[in-house]
Structures are given as structure tokens and as C-alpha cells.
Amino acid sequence: MRIEPKSLKDYPWYLRPFFSGQIKKYGSILNSSLLWARSPMLFLGLSFLYRALDRKSSPISPTLRSLIIVRVSQLNGCVFCIDLNSSILLQRGVTVSKVEELGNWRKSMLFNDIEKIVLDYTEAITITESRVSEDLFKSLKNFFNEDQIIELTATIAFQNMSTKFNTALDISPQGFCPIKNNLSAS
């Protein structure tokens, strides 16, 4: 990491429940969170936004959200995010072979039409030289209503921000995902 976390005692008391929640969920505090928390207000805002996007009542399925998140992580080369979020993708019931094929989704038979259109949209937003074409947007509207498209777009945008932060600060994987060859940015 290019910037080291503070000692846990140096973070404000009101962040401790967030850290405890991560220990319960992941077995440790996320290194990324420790850096975001160096600015407590940013960390709180980020945490609330993440929880809003990853809520149970989201119109986007948890599996589809995780596919988006891992793909953005791969495209932006965030090995910390690939590690953490591939692990979550596996926990959400996606097979190891599908996780391993995510970088090659266009040629893979493991992805359905909805997943393919969402991954195409994800890449169009994430890859700087790319744009969301009218045809792609019309195709997306065949599967999702406007409110769902807002949720998809927000998830993609959030993960782009997160991966850029983690990559710039050189945050390493923490060993969450058992698929070691998935840590390459396909």
C-alpha cells in the first residue's frame, strides 16, 4: 500500500461498528476500508452508498450485481477488488468455472442473455474509449425498466470509483478468493 492505515485506536469511535461488521463478515477489516476511514466522513458516505446499492430489496439480483463488480474490477486491474468480490460471487452461488470465465464472457456459453447485455453495458461504461451506444441501451431496455437501469449504472459507477481508489493506492489482495488464477485482470 502506498499509504498505511492508522492504528485502530486512532480512528473515531463511531467507525468501530463498521469495522466490527467487516470482521464478522470477512474475518478481518478490509485494508481498503482502513484507508477510506482516514477520512471518516468519506468512509461513512461510501459505506452508506455501498449498503444502498447492495440492499436486499434492490431490483438487481445479488448475483448480477456481483458479476458487474468483478468485471469492473478486472477491467480496472484492481486485484484487491477481484479477490474480495470473486469470493462474494462464489458465496452467491456462481460456479468456479463461471467466475474463471468472466474475463472471456463474450465467448463463453456460461452466461445468459441478460448477463451478456449487462456485461456489455458494464464494459461500455468502464472502458474509457468506449461509449454506450443507442443500440446497446435499447437492448438493455428489453430486459430492464428505467429504475433498474439507474441501479445498474450506479453499481457500475460505484465500482469504478472503488477500483480506481484501490488501484491508485496499490491495495493488495487479502486472500479471500480461493481461485488464485482469477486475480489477473482479464
Protein backbone atom coordinates (compact mmCIF):
# COMPACT_ATOMS: atom_id res chain seq x y z
CA MET A 1 0.00 0.00 0.00
CA ARG A 2 1.21 3.45 -0.81
CA ILE A 3 -0.40 4.90 2.33
CA GLU A 4 -0.51 2.92 5.54
CA PRO A 5 -3.63 2.61 7.69
CA LYS A 6 -3.69 4.34 11.04
CA SER A 7 -3.60 2.37 14.23
CA LEU A 8 -7.13 1.16 15.04
CA LYS A 9 -7.20 3.29 18.20
CA ASP A 10 -6.68 6.41 16.04
CA TYR A 11 -9.95 6.01 14.13
CA PRO A 12 -13.05 7.69 15.56
CA TRP A 13 -15.18 5.54 17.85
CA TYR A 14 -18.20 5.75 15.54
CA LEU A 15 -16.36 3.79 12.82
CA ARG A 16 -15.76 0.80 15.10
CA PRO A 17 -19.19 -0.80 14.36
CA PHE A 18 -18.34 -0.74 10.65
CA PHE A 19 -15.01 -2.42 11.34
CA SER A 20 -16.66 -5.00 13.62
CA GLY A 21 -19.16 -5.76 10.87
CA GLN A 22 -16.32 -6.42 8.43
CA ILE A 23 -14.57 -8.71 10.88
CA LYS A 24 -17.81 -10.65 11.28
CA LYS A 25 -18.46 -10.82 7.53
CA TYR A 26 -14.92 -11.25 6.14
CA GLY A 27 -12.82 -12.34 9.10
CA SER A 28 -10.80 -9.11 9.06
CA ILE A 29 -11.12 -5.39 8.42
CA LEU A 30 -10.72 -4.59 4.73
CA ASN A 31 -7.48 -2.74 4.02
CA SER A 32 -9.36 -0.53 1.61
CA SER A 33 -11.75 0.50 4.39
CA LEU A 34 -8.88 1.40 6.67
CA LEU A 35 -7.63 3.84 4.04
CA TRP A 36 -11.06 5.30 3.26
CA ALA A 37 -11.57 5.69 7.02
CA ARG A 38 -8.58 8.01 7.25
CA SER A 39 -11.26 10.49 6.14
CA PRO A 40 -14.17 9.42 8.35
CA MET A 41 -16.86 11.40 6.51
CA LEU A 42 -15.81 9.93 3.15
CA PHE A 43 -15.83 6.44 4.67
CA LEU A 44 -19.32 6.94 6.12
CA GLY A 45 -20.66 8.25 2.80
CA LEU A 46 -19.06 5.38 0.91
CA SER A 47 -20.43 2.83 3.38
CA PHE A 48 -23.96 4.14 3.14
CA LEU A 49 -23.82 4.24 -0.66
CA TYR A 50 -22.50 0.67 -0.79
CA ARG A 51 -25.27 -0.52 1.52
CA ALA A 52 -27.87 1.25 -0.61
CA LEU A 53 -26.59 -0.48 -3.74
CA ASP A 54 -26.20 -3.90 -2.10
CA ARG A 55 -29.52 -3.92 -0.25
CA LYS A 56 -31.79 -6.97 -0.23
CA SER A 57 -34.62 -5.01 -1.86
CA SER A 58 -32.51 -3.98 -4.87
CA PRO A 59 -34.25 -4.64 -8.18
CA ILE A 60 -30.96 -6.13 -9.42
CA SER A 61 -30.18 -9.65 -8.21
CA PRO A 62 -27.19 -10.10 -5.90
CA THR A 63 -25.53 -12.41 -8.42
CA LEU A 64 -25.86 -9.92 -11.27
CA ARG A 65 -24.53 -7.11 -9.05
CA SER A 66 -21.53 -9.28 -8.17
CA LEU A 67 -20.86 -10.14 -11.82
CA ILE A 68 -20.80 -6.42 -12.58
CA ILE A 69 -18.50 -5.67 -9.66
CA VAL A 70 -15.99 -8.39 -10.51
CA ARG A 71 -15.95 -7.44 -14.19
CA VAL A 72 -15.30 -3.76 -13.41
CA SER A 73 -12.56 -4.88 -11.04
CA GLN A 74 -10.96 -6.98 -13.79
CA LEU A 75 -11.17 -4.18 -16.33
CA ASN A 76 -9.56 -1.70 -13.94
CA GLY A 77 -6.93 -4.15 -12.71
CA CYS A 78 -7.90 -3.94 -9.05
CA VAL A 79 -6.50 -7.16 -7.60
CA PHE A 80 -7.88 -6.36 -4.13
CA CYS A 81 -11.39 -5.98 -5.59
CA ILE A 82 -11.10 -9.08 -7.78
CA ASP A 83 -10.05 -11.13 -4.74
CA LEU A 84 -12.78 -9.87 -2.41
CA ASN A 85 -15.62 -9.73 -4.91
CA SER A 86 -14.87 -13.06 -6.62
CA SER A 87 -15.19 -14.58 -3.17
CA ILE A 88 -18.59 -12.92 -2.74
CA LEU A 89 -19.63 -14.07 -6.22
CA LEU A 90 -18.83 -17.67 -5.23
CA GLN A 91 -20.78 -17.25 -1.99
CA ARG A 92 -23.76 -16.09 -4.05
CA GLY A 93 -23.83 -19.42 -5.85
CA VAL A 94 -21.88 -18.78 -9.03
CA THR A 95 -19.76 -21.74 -10.10
CA VAL A 96 -15.97 -21.62 -10.06
CA SER A 97 -15.90 -22.20 -13.83
CA LYS A 98 -18.21 -19.22 -14.43
CA VAL A 99 -16.06 -16.97 -12.24
CA GLU A 100 -12.99 -18.15 -14.14
CA GLU A 101 -14.71 -17.43 -17.48
CA LEU A 102 -15.85 -13.91 -16.58
CA GLY A 103 -12.94 -12.29 -18.39
CA ASN A 104 -13.97 -14.23 -21.51
CA TRP A 105 -17.75 -13.82 -21.14
CA ARG A 106 -18.39 -12.90 -24.79
CA LYS A 107 -17.18 -16.31 -25.99
CA SER A 108 -18.39 -18.35 -23.04
CA MET A 109 -21.58 -20.39 -23.07
CA LEU A 110 -21.90 -19.99 -19.30
CA PHE A 111 -23.53 -16.55 -19.46
CA ASN A 112 -27.19 -15.96 -20.32
CA ASP A 113 -28.57 -13.14 -22.49
CA ILE A 114 -29.33 -10.84 -19.55
CA GLU A 115 -25.83 -11.29 -18.10
CA LYS A 116 -24.26 -10.67 -21.50
CA ILE A 117 -26.16 -7.42 -22.11
CA VAL A 118 -25.30 -6.21 -18.59
CA LEU A 119 -21.62 -7.12 -19.01
CA ASP A 120 -21.61 -5.34 -22.38
CA TYR A 121 -23.11 -2.27 -20.69
CA THR A 122 -20.56 -2.59 -17.87
CA GLU A 123 -17.68 -2.56 -20.33
CA ALA A 124 -19.15 0.33 -22.32
CA ILE A 125 -19.25 2.44 -19.17
CA THR A 126 -15.91 1.29 -17.74
CA ILE A 127 -13.62 1.32 -20.76
CA THR A 128 -12.63 4.93 -21.35
CA GLU A 129 -12.53 4.72 -25.15
CA SER A 130 -15.99 3.16 -25.20
CA ARG A 131 -19.45 4.69 -25.16
CA VAL A 132 -22.92 3.33 -24.52
CA SER A 133 -24.49 3.13 -27.96
CA GLU A 134 -28.17 3.65 -28.63
CA ASP A 135 -28.43 0.02 -29.76
CA LEU A 136 -26.89 -1.23 -26.53
CA PHE A 137 -29.20 0.98 -24.47
CA LYS A 138 -32.25 -0.25 -26.39
CA SER A 139 -31.14 -3.84 -25.82
CA LEU A 140 -30.78 -3.12 -22.12
CA LYS A 141 -34.33 -1.75 -22.05
CA ASN A 142 -35.57 -5.10 -23.37
CA PHE A 143 -34.60 -6.63 -20.02
CA PHE A 144 -34.73 -3.77 -17.51
CA ASN A 145 -37.02 -0.85 -16.71
CA GLU A 146 -35.64 2.67 -16.24
CA ASP A 147 -35.34 2.39 -12.45
CA GLN A 148 -33.41 -0.86 -12.81
CA ILE A 149 -31.09 0.77 -15.36
CA ILE A 150 -30.38 3.53 -12.82
CA GLU A 151 -29.44 0.83 -10.27
CA LEU A 152 -27.21 -0.96 -12.80
CA THR A 153 -25.49 2.26 -13.80
CA ALA A 154 -24.96 3.31 -10.17
CA THR A 155 -23.44 -0.08 -9.33
CA ILE A 156 -21.04 0.17 -12.27
CA ALA A 157 -20.11 3.76 -11.41
CA PHE A 158 -19.58 2.94 -7.73
CA GLN A 159 -17.30 0.03 -8.55
CA ASN A 160 -15.31 2.14 -10.98
CA MET A 161 -14.71 4.67 -8.20
CA SER A 162 -13.78 1.95 -5.74
CA THR A 163 -11.36 0.20 -8.11
CA LYS A 164 -9.68 3.44 -9.09
CA PHE A 165 -9.16 4.33 -5.40
CA ASN A 166 -7.76 0.89 -4.54
CA THR A 167 -5.54 0.65 -7.61
CA ALA A 168 -4.09 4.15 -7.15
CA LEU A 169 -3.18 3.30 -3.55
CA ASP A 170 -1.86 -0.16 -4.52
CA ILE A 171 -4.07 -2.13 -2.14
CA SER A 172 -3.12 -5.81 -2.28
CA PRO A 173 -5.46 -8.80 -2.17
CA GLN A 174 -6.23 -10.14 1.30
CA GLY A 175 -6.66 -13.78 0.27
CA PHE A 176 -10.45 -14.00 0.24
CA CYS A 177 -10.91 -15.91 -3.02
CA PRO A 178 -9.68 -19.49 -3.37
CA ILE A 179 -9.38 -19.07 -7.16
CA LYS A 180 -5.83 -17.78 -7.44
CA ASN A 181 -5.77 -17.53 -11.23
CA ASN A 182 -8.78 -15.22 -11.07
CA LEU A 183 -6.59 -12.44 -9.70
CA SER A 184 -5.42 -11.44 -13.14
CA ALA A 185 -7.17 -8.52 -14.75
CA SER A 186 -8.57 -10.23 -17.84
